[in-house]
C-alpha atoms as a PDB file:
ATOM      1  CA  MET A   1      -0.152   0.078   0.004  1.00  0.00           C
ATOM      2  CA  ASN A   2       0.991   3.175  -0.798  1.00  0.00           C
ATOM      3  CA  ASN A   3      -0.711   5.508   1.757  1.00  0.00           C
ATOM      4  CA  HIS A   4       1.787   4.730   4.169  1.00  0.00           C
ATOM      5  CA  LEU A   5       4.789   6.481   2.374  1.00  0.00           C
ATOM      6  CA  LYS A   6       4.649   9.294   5.049  1.00  0.00           C
ATOM      7  CA  ILE A   7       4.423   7.871   8.582  1.00  0.00           C
ATOM      8  CA  TYR A   8       2.432  10.050  10.706  1.00  0.00           C
ATOM      9  CA  ARG A   9       4.297  10.677  13.992  1.00  0.00           C
ATOM     10  CA  PRO A  10       2.347  12.311  17.038  1.00  0.00           C
ATOM     11  CA  MET A  11       4.258  14.308  19.413  1.00  0.00           C
ATOM     12  CA  PRO A  12       4.463  12.188  22.747  1.00  0.00           C
ATOM     13  CA  ILE A  13       2.364  13.803  25.411  1.00  0.00           C
ATOM     14  CA  ASP A  14       2.713  12.387  28.978  1.00  0.00           C
ATOM     15  CA  GLU A  15      -0.522  10.998  29.302  1.00  0.00           C
ATOM     16  CA  GLU A  16      -1.261   7.199  29.819  1.00  0.00           C
ATOM     17  CA  ILE A  17      -4.106   5.405  28.142  1.00  0.00           C
ATOM     18  CA  LYS A  18      -5.540   2.757  30.323  1.00  0.00           C
ATOM     19  CA  PHE A  19      -7.248  -0.223  29.184  1.00  0.00           C
ATOM     20  CA  SER A  20      -8.875  -3.272  30.596  1.00  0.00           C
ATOM     21  CA  LYS A  21      -6.672  -6.453  31.757  1.00  0.00           C
ATOM     22  CA  LYS A  22      -9.118  -8.300  30.195  1.00  0.00           C
ATOM     23  CA  LYS A  23      -8.732  -6.976  26.628  1.00  0.00           C
ATOM     24  CA  PHE A  24      -6.004  -8.410  24.544  1.00  0.00           C
ATOM     25  CA  ILE A  25      -4.361  -6.578  21.492  1.00  0.00           C
ATOM     26  CA  VAL A  26      -3.472  -8.633  18.462  1.00  0.00           C
ATOM     27  CA  SER A  27      -1.677  -8.145  15.704  1.00  0.00           C
ATOM     28  CA  LYS A  28      -0.046  -9.991  12.877  1.00  0.00           C
ATOM     29  CA  THR A  29       3.206  -8.718  10.744  1.00  0.00           C
ATOM     30  CA  ASP A  30       5.069  -9.964   7.869  1.00  0.00           C
ATOM     31  CA  ILE A  31       8.574 -10.649   8.460  1.00  0.00           C
ATOM     32  CA  ASN A  32       9.321  -6.816   7.686  1.00  0.00           C
ATOM     33  CA  GLY A  33       7.030  -6.053  10.659  1.00  0.00           C
ATOM     34  CA  THR A  34       4.141  -4.727   7.996  1.00  0.00           C
ATOM     35  CA  ILE A  35       0.928  -4.924   9.919  1.00  0.00           C
ATOM     36  CA  THR A  36      -0.990  -7.751   7.711  1.00  0.00           C
ATOM     37  CA  PHE A  37      -3.595  -7.936  10.725  1.00  0.00           C
ATOM     38  CA  ALA A  38      -5.288  -5.506  13.519  1.00  0.00           C
ATOM     39  CA  ASN A  39      -7.907  -6.344  16.029  1.00  0.00           C
ATOM     40  CA  LYS A  40     -10.565  -4.514  17.173  1.00  0.00           C
ATOM     41  CA  ASN A  41      -8.970  -3.933  20.831  1.00  0.00           C
ATOM     42  CA  PHE A  42      -5.631  -2.878  18.667  1.00  0.00           C
ATOM     43  CA  CYS A  43      -7.573  -0.162  16.907  1.00  0.00           C
ATOM     44  CA  ASP A  44      -9.440   1.242  19.943  1.00  0.00           C
ATOM     45  CA  VAL A  45      -6.364   1.079  22.306  1.00  0.00           C
ATOM     46  CA  SER A  46      -4.160   2.991  19.793  1.00  0.00           C
ATOM     47  CA  GLY A  47      -6.451   5.346  18.175  1.00  0.00           C
ATOM     48  CA  TYR A  48      -5.575   4.342  14.376  1.00  0.00           C
ATOM     49  CA  SER A  49      -8.443   2.729  12.246  1.00  0.00           C
ATOM     50  CA  GLU A  50      -7.896  -0.571  10.755  1.00  0.00           C
ATOM     51  CA  GLU A  51      -7.237   0.698   7.224  1.00  0.00           C
ATOM     52  CA  GLU A  52      -4.272   3.172   8.959  1.00  0.00           C
ATOM     53  CA  LEU A  53      -2.735   0.101  10.419  1.00  0.00           C
ATOM     54  CA  ILE A  54      -2.653  -2.310   7.767  1.00  0.00           C
ATOM     55  CA  GLY A  55       0.099  -2.073   5.738  1.00  0.00           C
ATOM     56  CA  ALA A  56       1.788   0.388   7.970  1.00  0.00           C
ATOM     57  CA  PRO A  57       5.199  -0.304   9.578  1.00  0.00           C
ATOM     58  CA  HIS A  58       4.360  -1.861  13.124  1.00  0.00           C
ATOM     59  CA  ASN A  59       6.686   0.673  14.636  1.00  0.00           C
ATOM     60  CA  ILE A  60       4.855   3.543  14.056  1.00  0.00           C
ATOM     61  CA  LEU A  61       3.896   2.729  17.416  1.00  0.00           C
ATOM     62  CA  ARG A  62       7.372   3.130  18.797  1.00  0.00           C
ATOM     63  CA  HIS A  63       7.458   5.416  21.604  1.00  0.00           C
ATOM     64  CA  PRO A  64      10.608   7.239  22.378  1.00  0.00           C
ATOM     65  CA  ASP A  65      11.457   6.482  25.750  1.00  0.00           C
ATOM     66  CA  MET A  66      11.754   2.857  24.356  1.00  0.00           C
ATOM     67  CA  PRO A  67      15.244   1.968  23.782  1.00  0.00           C
ATOM     68  CA  ARG A  68      16.364   0.515  20.441  1.00  0.00           C
ATOM     69  CA  ALA A  69      18.127  -2.327  22.380  1.00  0.00           C
ATOM     70  CA  ILE A  70      15.205  -3.945  23.214  1.00  0.00           C
ATOM     71  CA  PHE A  71      13.798  -4.098  19.526  1.00  0.00           C
ATOM     72  CA  PHE A  72      16.837  -5.454  18.440  1.00  0.00           C
ATOM     73  CA  LEU A  73      16.581  -8.668  21.172  1.00  0.00           C
ATOM     74  CA  VAL A  74      13.083  -9.071  19.967  1.00  0.00           C
ATOM     75  CA  TRP A  75      13.984  -8.953  16.276  1.00  0.00           C
ATOM     76  CA  SER A  76      17.122 -10.932  16.750  1.00  0.00           C
ATOM     77  CA  SER A  77      14.841 -13.861  18.657  1.00  0.00           C
ATOM     78  CA  LEU A  78      11.871 -13.917  15.954  1.00  0.00           C
ATOM     79  CA  LEU A  79      14.086 -13.612  12.834  1.00  0.00           C
ATOM     80  CA  LYS A  80      15.643 -16.861  14.694  1.00  0.00           C
ATOM     81  CA  GLY A  81      11.984 -18.421  14.804  1.00  0.00           C
ATOM     82  CA  GLU A  82      12.143 -18.034  18.696  1.00  0.00           C
ATOM     83  CA  ARG A  83       9.228 -16.889  20.463  1.00  0.00           C
ATOM     84  CA  VAL A  84       9.860 -13.970  22.848  1.00  0.00           C
ATOM     85  CA  SER A  85       8.211 -11.457  25.322  1.00  0.00           C
ATOM     86  CA  GLY A  86       8.736  -7.920  26.056  1.00  0.00           C
ATOM     87  CA  VAL A  87       7.505  -4.921  27.836  1.00  0.00           C
ATOM     88  CA  VAL A  88       7.014  -2.237  25.541  1.00  0.00           C
ATOM     89  CA  LYS A  89       5.686   1.606  25.931  1.00  0.00           C
ATOM     90  CA  ASN A  90       3.460   2.196  22.490  1.00  0.00           C
ATOM     91  CA  LEU A  91       2.840   5.654  21.462  1.00  0.00           C
ATOM     92  CA  ALA A  92      -1.149   5.754  20.481  1.00  0.00           C
ATOM     93  CA  LYS A  93      -2.071   8.322  17.592  1.00  0.00           C
ATOM     94  CA  SER A  94      -3.312  10.549  20.059  1.00  0.00           C
ATOM     95  CA  GLY A  95       0.308  11.188  21.346  1.00  0.00           C
ATOM     96  CA  LYS A  96      -0.681   9.381  24.766  1.00  0.00           C
ATOM     97  CA  TYR A  97       1.323   6.391  25.785  1.00  0.00           C
ATOM     98  CA  TYR A  98       0.239   3.017  27.042  1.00  0.00           C
ATOM     99  CA  TRP A  99       2.306  -0.095  28.388  1.00  0.00           C
ATOM    100  CA  VAL A 100       1.829  -3.555  27.213  1.00  0.00           C
ATOM    101  CA  ILE A 101       3.308  -6.971  28.269  1.00  0.00           C
ATOM    102  CA  ALA A 102       3.790  -8.362  24.546  1.00  0.00           C
ATOM    103  CA  ASP A 103       4.186 -12.012  23.617  1.00  0.00           C
ATOM    104  CA  PHE A 104       5.495 -12.469  20.004  1.00  0.00           C
ATOM    105  CA  ASP A 105       4.910 -15.882  18.285  1.00  0.00           C
ATOM    106  CA  VAL A 106       6.250 -16.785  14.887  1.00  0.00           C
ATOM    107  CA  LYS A 107       4.246 -18.651  12.182  1.00  0.00           C
ATOM    108  CA  LYS A 108       6.275 -20.931   9.901  1.00  0.00           C
ATOM    109  CA  ASP A 109       5.346 -22.543   6.537  1.00  0.00           C
ATOM    110  CA  ALA A 110       5.493 -26.149   5.768  1.00  0.00           C
ATOM    111  CA  GLU A 111       9.437 -25.931   4.864  1.00  0.00           C
ATOM    112  CA  GLY A 112      10.025 -24.013   8.154  1.00  0.00           C
ATOM    113  CA  ASN A 113      10.123 -20.848   6.715  1.00  0.00           C
ATOM    114  CA  ILE A 114       8.938 -17.772   9.068  1.00  0.00           C
ATOM    115  CA  LYS A 115       5.950 -16.400   7.123  1.00  0.00           C
ATOM    116  CA  SER A 116       4.505 -14.186   9.799  1.00  0.00           C
ATOM    117  CA  LEU A 117       4.485 -12.852  13.290  1.00  0.00           C
ATOM    118  CA  THR A 118       1.791 -12.377  15.825  1.00  0.00           C
ATOM    119  CA  ALA A 119       1.856 -10.095  18.946  1.00  0.00           C
ATOM    120  CA  PHE A 120      -0.437 -10.595  21.731  1.00  0.00           C
ATOM    121  CA  ARG A 121      -0.352  -7.505  24.034  1.00  0.00           C
ATOM    122  CA  ARG A 122      -2.048  -7.074  26.997  1.00  0.00           C
ATOM    123  CA  ALA A 123      -2.115  -4.188  29.882  1.00  0.00           C
ATOM    124  CA  ALA A 124       0.949  -4.168  31.846  1.00  0.00           C
ATOM    125  CA  PRO A 125       0.369  -4.031  35.846  1.00  0.00           C
ATOM    126  CA  GLN A 126       1.838  -1.081  37.776  1.00  0.00           C
ATOM    127  CA  HIS A 127       4.490  -3.144  39.474  1.00  0.00           C
ATOM    128  CA  VAL A 128       5.972  -4.214  35.886  1.00  0.00           C
ATOM    129  CA  ILE A 129       5.787  -0.936  34.433  1.00  0.00           C
ATOM    130  CA  ASP A 130       7.795   0.278  37.688  1.00  0.00           C
ATOM    131  CA  VAL A 131      10.639  -1.701  37.036  1.00  0.00           C
ATOM    132  CA  MET A 132      10.917  -1.614  33.424  1.00  0.00           C
ATOM    133  CA  GLU A 133      10.728   2.548  33.244  1.00  0.00           C
ATOM    134  CA  GLU A 134      13.537   2.788  35.459  1.00  0.00           C
ATOM    135  CA  LEU A 135      15.603   0.045  33.605  1.00  0.00           C
ATOM    136  CA  TYR A 136      14.448   1.793  29.996  1.00  0.00           C
ATOM    137  CA  GLU A 137      15.502   5.259  31.230  1.00  0.00           C
ATOM    138  CA  SER A 138      18.950   3.776  32.085  1.00  0.00           C
ATOM    139  CA  MET A 139      19.398   2.240  28.650  1.00  0.00           C
ATOM    140  CA  LEU A 140      18.170   5.156  26.988  1.00  0.00           C
ATOM    141  CA  ASN A 141      20.801   7.646  28.472  1.00  0.00           C
ATOM    142  CA  ILE A 142      23.611   5.098  27.810  1.00  0.00           C
ATOM    143  CA  GLU A 143      22.120   4.365  24.024  1.00  0.00           C
ATOM    144  CA  ARG A 144      22.376   8.134  23.686  1.00  0.00           C
ATOM    145  CA  ARG A 145      26.079   8.663  24.679  1.00  0.00           C
ATOM    146  CA  HIS A 146      27.423   5.210  23.632  1.00  0.00           C
ATOM    147  CA  GLY A 147      24.906   3.421  21.032  1.00  0.00           C
ATOM    148  CA  MET A 148      22.805   0.672  21.086  1.00  0.00           C
ATOM    149  CA  GLU A 149      26.201  -1.603  22.008  1.00  0.00           C
ATOM    150  CA  GLY A 150      26.644   0.050  25.460  1.00  0.00           C
ATOM    151  CA  SER A 151      22.457  -0.025  26.304  1.00  0.00           C
ATOM    152  CA  LEU A 152      23.078  -3.866  25.277  1.00  0.00           C
ATOM    153  CA  SER A 153      25.720  -3.941  27.586  1.00  0.00           C
ATOM    154  CA  TYR A 154      24.124  -2.439  30.560  1.00  0.00           C
ATOM    155  CA  LEU A 155      21.193  -4.645  30.188  1.00  0.00           C
ATOM    156  CA  GLU A 156      23.784  -7.682  30.034  1.00  0.00           C
ATOM    157  CA  ALA A 157      25.299  -6.453  33.379  1.00  0.00           C
ATOM    158  CA  TYR A 158      21.861  -5.829  34.937  1.00  0.00           C
ATOM    159  CA  LEU A 159      20.678  -9.170  34.563  1.00  0.00           C
ATOM    160  CA  GLU A 160      23.891 -10.629  35.559  1.00  0.00           C
ATOM    161  CA  GLU A 161      23.374  -8.810  39.099  1.00  0.00           C
ATOM    162  CA  LYS A 162      20.403 -10.470  39.089  1.00  0.00           C
ATOM    163  CA  GLY A 163      21.624 -13.917  37.856  1.00  0.00           C
ATOM    164  CA  MET A 164      19.284 -14.086  35.209  1.00  0.00           C
ATOM    165  CA  ASN A 165      19.026 -13.610  31.534  1.00  0.00           C
ATOM    166  CA  TYR A 166      16.427 -11.851  29.707  1.00  0.00           C
ATOM    167  CA  GLU A 167      14.038 -14.187  29.120  1.00  0.00           C
ATOM    168  CA  GLU A 168      14.309 -15.291  33.318  1.00  0.00           C
ATOM    169  CA  PHE A 169      14.089 -11.868  33.986  1.00  0.00           C
ATOM    170  CA  LEU A 170      10.896 -11.377  32.128  1.00  0.00           C
ATOM    171  CA  ASP A 171       9.271 -14.462  33.309  1.00  0.00           C
ATOM    172  CA  ASP A 172       9.533 -13.894  36.784  1.00  0.00           C
ATOM    173  CA  LEU A 173       8.228 -10.197  36.293  1.00  0.00           C
ATOM    174  CA  VAL A 174       5.806 -10.548  33.909  1.00  0.00           C
ATOM    175  CA  THR A 175       4.302 -14.417  33.652  1.00  0.00           C
ATOM    176  CA  PRO A 176       0.656 -14.563  34.871  1.00  0.00           C
ATOM    177  CA  LYS A 177      -0.066 -17.497  37.306  1.00  0.00           C
ATOM    178  CA  GLY A 178      -3.137 -19.742  37.723  1.00  0.00           C
ATOM    179  CA  LEU A 179      -6.471 -19.329  35.985  1.00  0.00           C
ATOM    180  CA  LEU A 180      -5.139 -15.994  34.191  1.00  0.00           C
ATOM    181  CA  ALA A 181      -2.222 -18.458  32.671  1.00  0.00           C
ATOM    182  CA  LYS A 182      -5.244 -20.821  31.399  1.00  0.00           C
ATOM    183  CA  LEU A 183      -6.982 -18.156  29.735  1.00  0.00           C
ATOM    184  CA  ILE A 184      -4.047 -16.523  28.318  1.00  0.00           C
ATOM    185  CA  SER A 185      -2.900 -19.683  26.344  1.00  0.00           C
ATOM    186  CA  SER A 186      -6.953 -20.662  25.102  1.00  0.00           C
ATOM    187  CA  PHE A 187      -6.806 -16.955  23.604  1.00  0.00           C
ATOM    188  CA  LYS A 188      -3.336 -17.464  21.859  1.00  0.00           C
ATOM    189  CA  ASN A 189      -4.434 -21.198  20.426  1.00  0.00           C
ATOM    190  CA  MET A 190      -7.449 -18.982  18.885  1.00  0.00           C
ATOM    191  CA  PHE A 191      -4.890 -17.470  16.406  1.00  0.00           C
END
């Protein structure tokens, strides 16, 4: 589609969009990050219409408070065909922001080639936001001075201090337990 040659970038405003923890935001992209599917909740929370989202690069939602290193880690895992999770601060069309826990899944064709990526996002609880805001602020400050490599090194040292890798750190922080875990699992199986 050519209607996305000029990407609309809203000016960020310091106002959070809160949405129900029962609402799942779902999107699918091709391996280049171009949106091919957006559910109604995605449109409602982001403020973009389905027509604006389909064919657009997923990074139209990238908030300037997000370190590039986090997206590098996510994409590195996905392009290896691995599932990955992340905590992301997204930028809505209005300029407001919203925090999500995103679980990314890889869909492959019969030959094992990656054909699409699916993201299941849910509202991030405040305790998760508090931890990630502090971590991301440090990473972003380092990224500005020392580039993405410096930011990745900082994250590595941060995780080493905790005695965890990135996946263990996120699991410990965001993994739902009990009934919620079962509900999320059955919802993901619908896609």
